[in-house]
PDB file of N, CA and C in Angstrom:
ATOM      1  N   MET A   1       0.838  -1.187   0.000  1.00  0.00           N
ATOM      2  CA  MET A   1       0.000   0.000   0.000  1.00  0.00           C
ATOM      3  C   MET A   1       0.879   1.246   0.000  1.00  0.00           C
ATOM      4  N   PRO A   2       0.464   2.273  -0.718  1.00  0.00           N
ATOM      5  CA  PRO A   2       1.244   3.505  -0.731  1.00  0.00           C
ATOM      6  C   PRO A   2       1.190   4.209   0.628  1.00  0.00           C
ATOM      7  N   GLU A   3       2.336   4.767   1.031  1.00  0.00           N
ATOM      8  CA  GLU A   3       2.381   5.481   2.296  1.00  0.00           C
ATOM      9  C   GLU A   3       3.473   6.537   2.271  1.00  0.00           C
ATOM     10  N   THR A   4       3.414   7.422   3.234  1.00  0.00           N
ATOM     11  CA  THR A   4       4.410   8.462   3.420  1.00  0.00           C
ATOM     12  C   THR A   4       5.244   8.109   4.636  1.00  0.00           C
ATOM     13  N   GLN A   5       6.546   8.325   4.531  1.00  0.00           N
ATOM     14  CA  GLN A   5       7.440   8.114   5.672  1.00  0.00           C
ATOM     15  C   GLN A   5       7.908   9.483   6.149  1.00  0.00           C
ATOM     16  N   LEU A   6       7.809   9.713   7.443  1.00  0.00           N
ATOM     17  CA  LEU A   6       8.240  10.962   8.059  1.00  0.00           C
ATOM     18  C   LEU A   6       9.237  10.628   9.157  1.00  0.00           C
ATOM     19  N   THR A   7      10.432  11.199   9.087  1.00  0.00           N
ATOM     20  CA  THR A   7      11.437  11.006  10.126  1.00  0.00           C
ATOM     21  C   THR A   7      11.727  12.357  10.749  1.00  0.00           C
ATOM     22  N   LEU A   8      11.726  12.400  12.081  1.00  0.00           N
ATOM     23  CA  LEU A   8      11.989  13.660  12.775  1.00  0.00           C
ATOM     24  C   LEU A   8      12.875  13.414  13.985  1.00  0.00           C
ATOM     25  N   THR A   9      13.486  14.475  14.464  1.00  0.00           N
ATOM     26  CA  THR A   9      14.237  14.454  15.709  1.00  0.00           C
ATOM     27  C   THR A   9      13.827  15.675  16.512  1.00  0.00           C
ATOM     28  N   VAL A  10      14.025  15.602  17.808  1.00  0.00           N
ATOM     29  CA  VAL A  10      13.738  16.758  18.656  1.00  0.00           C
ATOM     30  C   VAL A  10      15.064  17.366  19.113  1.00  0.00           C
ATOM     31  N   ASP A  11      15.049  18.656  19.398  1.00  0.00           N
ATOM     32  CA  ASP A  11      16.284  19.337  19.771  1.00  0.00           C
ATOM     33  C   ASP A  11      16.465  19.486  21.278  1.00  0.00           C
ATOM     34  N   HIS A  12      15.541  18.890  22.048  1.00  0.00           N
ATOM     35  CA  HIS A  12      15.670  18.925  23.511  1.00  0.00           C
ATOM     36  C   HIS A  12      14.962  17.706  24.104  1.00  0.00           C
ATOM     37  N   LEU A  13      15.248  17.417  25.336  1.00  0.00           N
ATOM     38  CA  LEU A  13      14.629  16.296  26.041  1.00  0.00           C
ATOM     39  C   LEU A  13      13.119  16.512  26.148  1.00  0.00           C
ATOM     40  N   MET A  14      12.337  15.461  25.873  1.00  0.00           N
ATOM     41  CA  MET A  14      10.875  15.546  25.989  1.00  0.00           C
ATOM     42  C   MET A  14      10.401  14.501  26.984  1.00  0.00           C
ATOM     43  N   GLU A  15       9.743  14.932  28.045  1.00  0.00           N
ATOM     44  CA  GLU A  15       9.201  13.996  29.035  1.00  0.00           C
ATOM     45  C   GLU A  15       8.118  13.126  28.423  1.00  0.00           C
ATOM     46  N   ILE A  16       7.186  13.757  27.724  1.00  0.00           N
ATOM     47  CA  ILE A  16       6.108  13.035  27.041  1.00  0.00           C
ATOM     48  C   ILE A  16       6.289  13.276  25.552  1.00  0.00           C
ATOM     49  N   SER A  17       6.650  12.232  24.828  1.00  0.00           N
ATOM     50  CA  SER A  17       6.876  12.391  23.390  1.00  0.00           C
ATOM     51  C   SER A  17       5.629  11.963  22.632  1.00  0.00           C
ATOM     52  N   ASP A  18       5.000  12.938  22.033  1.00  0.00           N
ATOM     53  CA  ASP A  18       3.765  12.705  21.291  1.00  0.00           C
ATOM     54  C   ASP A  18       3.686  13.711  20.155  1.00  0.00           C
ATOM     55  N   PHE A  19       3.394  13.209  18.986  1.00  0.00           N
ATOM     56  CA  PHE A  19       3.394  14.054  17.805  1.00  0.00           C
ATOM     57  C   PHE A  19       2.151  13.774  16.973  1.00  0.00           C
ATOM     58  N   PHE A  20       1.694  14.816  16.272  1.00  0.00           N
ATOM     59  CA  PHE A  20       0.578  14.629  15.339  1.00  0.00           C
ATOM     60  C   PHE A  20       1.032  15.077  13.959  1.00  0.00           C
ATOM     61  N   VAL A  21       0.349  14.549  12.953  1.00  0.00           N
ATOM     62  CA  VAL A  21       0.552  14.984  11.576  1.00  0.00           C
ATOM     63  C   VAL A  21      -0.780  15.489  11.037  1.00  0.00           C
ATOM     64  N   LYS A  22      -0.697  16.492  10.192  1.00  0.00           N
ATOM     65  CA  LYS A  22      -1.856  17.028   9.481  1.00  0.00           C
ATOM     66  C   LYS A  22      -1.619  16.713   8.022  1.00  0.00           C
ATOM     67  N   CYS A  23      -2.532  15.966   7.420  1.00  0.00           N
ATOM     68  CA  CYS A  23      -2.388  15.534   6.026  1.00  0.00           C
ATOM     69  C   CYS A  23      -3.340  16.312   5.120  1.00  0.00           C
ATOM     70  N   ASP A  24      -3.101  16.194   3.823  1.00  0.00           N
ATOM     71  CA  ASP A  24      -3.963  16.853   2.836  1.00  0.00           C
ATOM     72  C   ASP A  24      -5.231  16.057   2.544  1.00  0.00           C
ATOM     73  N   ARG A  25      -5.355  14.895   3.155  1.00  0.00           N
ATOM     74  CA  ARG A  25      -6.531  14.026   2.976  1.00  0.00           C
ATOM     75  C   ARG A  25      -6.672  13.172   4.241  1.00  0.00           C
ATOM     76  N   PRO A  26      -7.778  12.501   4.463  1.00  0.00           N
ATOM     77  CA  PRO A  26      -7.888  11.636   5.641  1.00  0.00           C
ATOM     78  C   PRO A  26      -6.737  10.622   5.681  1.00  0.00           C
ATOM     79  N   CYS A  27      -6.114  10.495   6.862  1.00  0.00           N
ATOM     80  CA  CYS A  27      -4.943   9.634   6.994  1.00  0.00           C
ATOM     81  C   CYS A  27      -4.897   9.008   8.380  1.00  0.00           C
ATOM     82  N   ARG A  28      -3.964   8.059   8.531  1.00  0.00           N
ATOM     83  CA  ARG A  28      -3.728   7.459   9.845  1.00  0.00           C
ATOM     84  C   ARG A  28      -2.260   7.084   9.945  1.00  0.00           C
ATOM     85  N   VAL A  29      -1.720   7.187  11.142  1.00  0.00           N
ATOM     86  CA  VAL A  29      -0.362   6.720  11.381  1.00  0.00           C
ATOM     87  C   VAL A  29      -0.441   5.208  11.487  1.00  0.00           C
ATOM     88  N   ARG A  30       0.211   4.525  10.552  1.00  0.00           N
ATOM     89  CA  ARG A  30       0.198   3.057  10.533  1.00  0.00           C
ATOM     90  C   ARG A  30       1.252   2.494  11.476  1.00  0.00           C
ATOM     91  N   GLU A  31       2.384   3.172  11.572  1.00  0.00           N
ATOM     92  CA  GLU A  31       3.473   2.689  12.410  1.00  0.00           C
ATOM     93  C   GLU A  31       4.243   3.893  12.933  1.00  0.00           C
ATOM     94  N   ALA A  32       4.661   3.805  14.188  1.00  0.00           N
ATOM     95  CA  ALA A  32       5.477   4.851  14.807  1.00  0.00           C
ATOM     96  C   ALA A  32       6.593   4.159  15.581  1.00  0.00           C
ATOM     97  N   VAL A  33       7.832   4.633  15.379  1.00  0.00           N
ATOM     98  CA  VAL A  33       8.995   3.967  15.960  1.00  0.00           C
ATOM     99  C   VAL A  33       9.983   5.007  16.471  1.00  0.00           C
ATOM    100  N   VAL A  34      10.539   4.748  17.654  1.00  0.00           N
ATOM    101  CA  VAL A  34      11.716   5.464  18.135  1.00  0.00           C
ATOM    102  C   VAL A  34      12.886   4.521  17.911  1.00  0.00           C
ATOM    103  N   PHE A  35      13.860   4.950  17.120  1.00  0.00           N
ATOM    104  CA  PHE A  35      14.983   4.080  16.767  1.00  0.00           C
ATOM    105  C   PHE A  35      15.862   3.796  17.975  1.00  0.00           C
ATOM    106  N   GLY A  36      16.283   2.534  18.089  1.00  0.00           N
ATOM    107  CA  GLY A  36      17.223   2.145  19.124  1.00  0.00           C
ATOM    108  C   GLY A  36      16.636   2.019  20.511  1.00  0.00           C
ATOM    109  N   ALA A  37      15.324   1.878  20.612  1.00  0.00           N
ATOM    110  CA  ALA A  37      14.693   1.801  21.935  1.00  0.00           C
ATOM    111  C   ALA A  37      13.518   0.839  21.887  1.00  0.00           C
ATOM    112  N   TYR A  38      13.151   0.339  23.078  1.00  0.00           N
ATOM    113  CA  TYR A  38      11.920  -0.422  23.212  1.00  0.00           C
ATOM    114  C   TYR A  38      10.771   0.552  23.019  1.00  0.00           C
ATOM    115  N   ASN A  39       9.822   0.221  22.179  1.00  0.00           N
ATOM    116  CA  ASN A  39       8.716   1.122  21.865  1.00  0.00           C
ATOM    117  C   ASN A  39       7.406   0.599  22.414  1.00  0.00           C
ATOM    118  N   LYS A  40       6.761   1.402  23.200  1.00  0.00           N
ATOM    119  CA  LYS A  40       5.393   1.148  23.630  1.00  0.00           C
ATOM    120  C   LYS A  40       4.640   2.437  23.347  1.00  0.00           C
ATOM    121  N   LEU A  41       3.530   2.330  22.628  1.00  0.00           N
ATOM    122  CA  LEU A  41       2.830   3.547  22.233  1.00  0.00           C
ATOM    123  C   LEU A  41       1.349   3.322  22.097  1.00  0.00           C
ATOM    124  N   ASP A  42       0.645   4.432  22.052  1.00  0.00           N
ATOM    125  CA  ASP A  42      -0.779   4.449  21.742  1.00  0.00           C
ATOM    126  C   ASP A  42      -0.964   5.312  20.499  1.00  0.00           C
ATOM    127  N   TYR A  43      -1.746   4.809  19.558  1.00  0.00           N
ATOM    128  CA  TYR A  43      -2.098   5.610  18.392  1.00  0.00           C
ATOM    129  C   TYR A  43      -3.284   6.480  18.770  1.00  0.00           C
ATOM    130  N   LEU A  44      -3.264   7.700  18.285  1.00  0.00           N
ATOM    131  CA  LEU A  44      -4.298   8.657  18.651  1.00  0.00           C
ATOM    132  C   LEU A  44      -5.137   9.008  17.436  1.00  0.00           C
ATOM    133  N   THR A  45      -6.399   9.314  17.681  1.00  0.00           N
ATOM    134  CA  THR A  45      -7.290   9.763  16.631  1.00  0.00           C
ATOM    135  C   THR A  45      -7.832  11.132  17.013  1.00  0.00           C
ATOM    136  N   ALA A  46      -8.331  11.834  16.024  1.00  0.00           N
ATOM    137  CA  ALA A  46      -8.906  13.156  16.250  1.00  0.00           C
ATOM    138  C   ALA A  46     -10.250  13.219  15.543  1.00  0.00           C
ATOM    139  N   SER A  47     -11.044  14.214  15.894  1.00  0.00           N
ATOM    140  CA  SER A  47     -12.336  14.368  15.219  1.00  0.00           C
ATOM    141  C   SER A  47     -12.140  14.787  13.763  1.00  0.00           C
ATOM    142  N   ASP A  48     -11.009  15.375  13.454  1.00  0.00           N
ATOM    143  CA  ASP A  48     -10.659  15.744  12.085  1.00  0.00           C
ATOM    144  C   ASP A  48      -9.922  14.551  11.455  1.00  0.00           C
ATOM    145  N   PRO A  49     -10.466  13.917  10.424  1.00  0.00           N
ATOM    146  CA  PRO A  49      -9.834  12.722   9.858  1.00  0.00           C
ATOM    147  C   PRO A  49      -8.507  12.997   9.152  1.00  0.00           C
ATOM    148  N   THR A  50      -8.155  14.266   8.941  1.00  0.00           N
ATOM    149  CA  THR A  50      -6.876  14.586   8.316  1.00  0.00           C
ATOM    150  C   THR A  50      -5.758  14.738   9.353  1.00  0.00           C
ATOM    151  N   ILE A  51      -6.067  14.483  10.625  1.00  0.00           N
ATOM    152  CA  ILE A  51      -5.075  14.562  11.702  1.00  0.00           C
ATOM    153  C   ILE A  51      -4.959  13.197  12.363  1.00  0.00           C
ATOM    154  N   SER A  52      -3.720  12.748  12.564  1.00  0.00           N
ATOM    155  CA  SER A  52      -3.456  11.481  13.226  1.00  0.00           C
ATOM    156  C   SER A  52      -2.176  11.627  14.029  1.00  0.00           C
ATOM    157  N   GLY A  53      -1.953  10.723  14.983  1.00  0.00           N
ATOM    158  CA  GLY A  53      -0.746  10.845  15.781  1.00  0.00           C
ATOM    159  C   GLY A  53      -0.509   9.648  16.666  1.00  0.00           C
ATOM    160  N   ALA A  54       0.526   9.771  17.502  1.00  0.00           N
ATOM    161  CA  ALA A  54       0.876   8.717  18.445  1.00  0.00           C
ATOM    162  C   ALA A  54       1.570   9.344  19.641  1.00  0.00           C
ATOM    163  N   VAL A  55       1.413   8.685  20.782  1.00  0.00           N
ATOM    164  CA  VAL A  55       2.133   9.068  21.996  1.00  0.00           C
ATOM    165  C   VAL A  55       2.991   7.878  22.400  1.00  0.00           C
ATOM    166  N   PHE A  56       4.265   8.150  22.653  1.00  0.00           N
ATOM    167  CA  PHE A  56       5.187   7.101  23.075  1.00  0.00           C
ATOM    168  C   PHE A  56       5.153   6.989  24.591  1.00  0.00           C
ATOM    169  N   LEU A  57       4.756   5.832  25.085  1.00  0.00           N
ATOM    170  CA  LEU A  57       4.746   5.558  26.520  1.00  0.00           C
ATOM    171  C   LEU A  57       6.131   5.094  26.955  1.00  0.00           C
ATOM    172  N   SER A  58       6.911   4.579  26.011  1.00  0.00           N
ATOM    173  CA  SER A  58       8.292   4.195  26.244  1.00  0.00           C
ATOM    174  C   SER A  58       9.001   4.348  24.905  1.00  0.00           C
ATOM    175  N   PRO A  59      10.139   4.970  24.824  1.00  0.00           N
ATOM    176  CA  PRO A  59      10.951   5.468  25.928  1.00  0.00           C
ATOM    177  C   PRO A  59      10.450   6.818  26.439  1.00  0.00           C
ATOM    178  N   ARG A  60      10.627   7.024  27.718  1.00  0.00           N
ATOM    179  CA  ARG A  60      10.360   8.310  28.367  1.00  0.00           C
ATOM    180  C   ARG A  60      11.477   8.586  29.338  1.00  0.00           C
ATOM    181  N   PRO A  61      12.068   9.717  29.298  1.00  0.00           N
ATOM    182  CA  PRO A  61      11.889  10.780  28.315  1.00  0.00           C
ATOM    183  C   PRO A  61      12.553  10.426  26.984  1.00  0.00           C
ATOM    184  N   LEU A  62      12.187  11.174  25.954  1.00  0.00           N
ATOM    185  CA  LEU A  62      12.802  11.032  24.636  1.00  0.00           C
ATOM    186  C   LEU A  62      13.972  12.006  24.576  1.00  0.00           C
ATOM    187  N   GLY A  63      15.155  11.485  24.298  1.00  0.00           N
ATOM    188  CA  GLY A  63      16.352  12.310  24.293  1.00  0.00           C
ATOM    189  C   GLY A  63      16.512  13.139  23.031  1.00  0.00           C
ATOM    190  N   SER A  64      17.263  14.190  23.157  1.00  0.00           N
ATOM    191  CA  SER A  64      17.578  15.071  22.041  1.00  0.00           C
ATOM    192  C   SER A  64      18.308  14.302  20.947  1.00  0.00           C
ATOM    193  N   GLY A  65      17.926  14.536  19.699  1.00  0.00           N
ATOM    194  CA  GLY A  65      18.607  13.941  18.561  1.00  0.00           C
ATOM    195  C   GLY A  65      18.214  12.526  18.213  1.00  0.00           C
ATOM    196  N   ILE A  66      17.335  11.902  18.979  1.00  0.00           N
ATOM    197  CA  ILE A  66      16.901  10.530  18.688  1.00  0.00           C
ATOM    198  C   ILE A  66      15.851  10.570  17.579  1.00  0.00           C
ATOM    199  N   LYS A  67      16.007   9.698  16.595  1.00  0.00           N
ATOM    200  CA  LYS A  67      15.095   9.697  15.454  1.00  0.00           C
ATOM    201  C   LYS A  67      13.770   9.012  15.785  1.00  0.00           C
ATOM    202  N   VAL A  68      12.704   9.634  15.316  1.00  0.00           N
ATOM    203  CA  VAL A  68      11.339   9.101  15.404  1.00  0.00           C
ATOM    204  C   VAL A  68      10.830   8.982  13.974  1.00  0.00           C
ATOM    205  N   GLU A  69      10.210   7.852  13.672  1.00  0.00           N
ATOM    206  CA  GLU A  69       9.679   7.659  12.324  1.00  0.00           C
ATOM    207  C   GLU A  69       8.199   7.339  12.379  1.00  0.00           C
ATOM    208  N   TYR A  70       7.446   7.982  11.504  1.00  0.00           N
ATOM    209  CA  TYR A  70       6.025   7.687  11.303  1.00  0.00           C
ATOM    210  C   TYR A  70       5.857   7.166   9.885  1.00  0.00           C
ATOM    211  N   ARG A  71       5.015   6.160   9.731  1.00  0.00           N
ATOM    212  CA  ARG A  71       4.569   5.708   8.411  1.00  0.00           C
ATOM    213  C   ARG A  71       3.074   5.990   8.358  1.00  0.00           C
ATOM    214  N   ILE A  72       2.684   6.758   7.362  1.00  0.00           N
ATOM    215  CA  ILE A  72       1.329   7.309   7.300  1.00  0.00           C
ATOM    216  C   ILE A  72       0.650   6.845   6.016  1.00  0.00           C
ATOM    217  N   ARG A  73      -0.575   6.372   6.152  1.00  0.00           N
ATOM    218  CA  ARG A  73      -1.357   5.926   5.004  1.00  0.00           C
ATOM    219  C   ARG A  73      -2.638   6.741   4.877  1.00  0.00           C
ATOM    220  N   GLY A  74      -3.083   6.874   3.639  1.00  0.00           N
ATOM    221  CA  GLY A  74      -4.394   7.456   3.398  1.00  0.00           C
ATOM    222  C   GLY A  74      -5.452   6.462   3.828  1.00  0.00           C
ATOM    223  N   ILE A  75      -6.523   6.949   4.398  1.00  0.00           N
ATOM    224  CA  ILE A  75      -7.587   6.065   4.862  1.00  0.00           C
ATOM    225  C   ILE A  75      -8.198   5.293   3.695  1.00  0.00           C
ATOM    226  N   ASP A  76      -8.208   5.901   2.504  1.00  0.00           N
ATOM    227  CA  ASP A  76      -8.771   5.196   1.350  1.00  0.00           C
ATOM    228  C   ASP A  76      -7.866   4.059   0.862  1.00  0.00           C
ATOM    229  N   GLY A  77      -6.600   4.033   1.320  1.00  0.00           N
ATOM    230  CA  GLY A  77      -5.700   2.941   0.979  1.00  0.00           C
ATOM    231  C   GLY A  77      -5.118   2.993  -0.420  1.00  0.00           C
ATOM    232  N   THR A  78      -5.467   4.004  -1.205  1.00  0.00           N
ATOM    233  CA  THR A  78      -4.983   4.049  -2.586  1.00  0.00           C
ATOM    234  C   THR A  78      -4.140   5.273  -2.900  1.00  0.00           C
ATOM    235  N   THR A  79      -4.219   6.306  -2.097  1.00  0.00           N
ATOM    236  CA  THR A  79      -3.473   7.532  -2.377  1.00  0.00           C
ATOM    237  C   THR A  79      -2.428   7.780  -1.290  1.00  0.00           C
ATOM    238  N   ILE A  80      -1.364   8.468  -1.661  1.00  0.00           N
ATOM    239  CA  ILE A  80      -0.296   8.800  -0.710  1.00  0.00           C
ATOM    240  C   ILE A  80      -0.617  10.151  -0.086  1.00  0.00           C
ATOM    241  N   PRO A  81      -0.787  10.188   1.225  1.00  0.00           N
ATOM    242  CA  PRO A  81      -1.081  11.467   1.863  1.00  0.00           C
ATOM    243  C   PRO A  81       0.161  12.365   1.896  1.00  0.00           C
ATOM    244  N   GLN A  82      -0.050  13.642   1.673  1.00  0.00           N
ATOM    245  CA  GLN A  82       1.018  14.629   1.793  1.00  0.00           C
ATOM    246  C   GLN A  82       0.906  15.261   3.173  1.00  0.00           C
ATOM    247  N   VAL A  83       2.014  15.278   3.906  1.00  0.00           N
ATOM    248  CA  VAL A  83       2.020  15.866   5.245  1.00  0.00           C
ATOM    249  C   VAL A  83       2.103  17.381   5.105  1.00  0.00           C
ATOM    250  N   GLN A  84       1.121  18.066   5.686  1.00  0.00           N
ATOM    251  CA  GLN A  84       1.074  19.521   5.625  1.00  0.00           C
ATOM    252  C   GLN A  84       1.612  20.167   6.891  1.00  0.00           C
ATOM    253  N   GLY A  85       1.681  19.400   7.960  1.00  0.00           N
ATOM    254  CA  GLY A  85       2.184  19.950   9.207  1.00  0.00           C
ATOM    255  C   GLY A  85       2.456  18.848  10.218  1.00  0.00           C
ATOM    256  N   VAL A  86       3.352  19.150  11.154  1.00  0.00           N
ATOM    257  CA  VAL A  86       3.708  18.235  12.233  1.00  0.00           C
ATOM    258  C   VAL A  86       3.752  19.057  13.511  1.00  0.00           C
ATOM    259  N   GLY A  87       3.260  18.493  14.598  1.00  0.00           N
ATOM    260  CA  GLY A  87       3.288  19.228  15.851  1.00  0.00           C
ATOM    261  C   GLY A  87       3.343  18.319  17.059  1.00  0.00           C
ATOM    262  N   ILE A  88       3.465  18.959  18.209  1.00  0.00           N
ATOM    263  CA  ILE A  88       3.485  18.267  19.499  1.00  0.00           C
ATOM    264  C   ILE A  88       2.102  18.386  20.115  1.00  0.00           C
ATOM    265  N   ILE A  89       1.617  17.302  20.661  1.00  0.00           N
ATOM    266  CA  ILE A  89       0.322  17.293  21.336  1.00  0.00           C
ATOM    267  C   ILE A  89       0.545  17.724  22.786  1.00  0.00           C
ATOM    268  N   LEU A  90      -0.203  18.685  23.255  1.00  0.00           N
ATOM    269  CA  LEU A  90      -0.068  19.149  24.634  1.00  0.00           C
ATOM    270  C   LEU A  90      -0.531  18.060  25.600  1.00  0.00           C
ATOM    271  N   PRO A  91       0.132  17.921  26.756  1.00  0.00           N
ATOM    272  CA  PRO A  91      -0.253  16.875  27.715  1.00  0.00           C
ATOM    273  C   PRO A  91      -1.731  16.904  28.084  1.00  0.00           C
ATOM    274  N   GLU A  92      -2.309  18.085  28.229  1.00  0.00           N
ATOM    275  CA  GLU A  92      -3.727  18.162  28.615  1.00  0.00           C
ATOM    276  C   GLU A  92      -4.664  17.702  27.501  1.00  0.00           C
ATOM    277  N   GLN A  93      -4.153  17.543  26.288  1.00  0.00           N
ATOM    278  CA  GLN A  93      -4.962  17.042  25.169  1.00  0.00           C
ATOM    279  C   GLN A  93      -4.905  15.524  25.062  1.00  0.00           C
ATOM    280  N   LEU A  94      -4.058  14.889  25.838  1.00  0.00           N
ATOM    281  CA  LEU A  94      -3.914  13.440  25.800  1.00  0.00           C
ATOM    282  C   LEU A  94      -4.905  12.773  26.753  1.00  0.00           C
ATOM    283  N   PRO A  95      -5.301  11.537  26.460  1.00  0.00           N
ATOM    284  CA  PRO A  95      -6.095  10.787  27.432  1.00  0.00           C
ATOM    285  C   PRO A  95      -5.300  10.659  28.742  1.00  0.00           C
ATOM    286  N   PRO A  96      -5.945  10.711  29.901  1.00  0.00           N
ATOM    287  CA  PRO A  96      -5.228  10.628  31.184  1.00  0.00           C
ATOM    288  C   PRO A  96      -4.272   9.438  31.287  1.00  0.00           C
ATOM    289  N   LYS A  97      -4.620   8.310  30.682  1.00  0.00           N
ATOM    290  CA  LYS A  97      -3.758   7.123  30.774  1.00  0.00           C
ATOM    291  C   LYS A  97      -2.429   7.296  30.051  1.00  0.00           C
ATOM    292  N   ASP A  98      -2.360   8.260  29.135  1.00  0.00           N
ATOM    293  CA  ASP A  98      -1.152   8.452  28.335  1.00  0.00           C
ATOM    294  C   ASP A  98      -0.250   9.585  28.837  1.00  0.00           C
ATOM    295  N   ARG A  99      -0.659  10.272  29.882  1.00  0.00           N
ATOM    296  CA  ARG A  99       0.132  11.436  30.354  1.00  0.00           C
ATOM    297  C   ARG A  99       1.297  11.003  31.195  1.00  0.00           C
TER     298      ARG A  99
END
């Protein structure tokens, strides 16, 4: 299936590492990985189908310069979503179990 790969790093230590993507069409994060670490995460959904994300429950904290990769698919399964924006989800926007 066609998908977009997004690799990012952070420039400072993050206690709660959680990121969202804004796509040009309805999308979902199919896979999220922190390289070189045990990964435990929850995939997040939003009321806007063009926004998807994940919160890493492990590793915590996420160190500066560590690569994070998202693989993102269009919900229709046939088109490649274009990422229009990437951001950090505020702790108060996360479900209590993920904070």
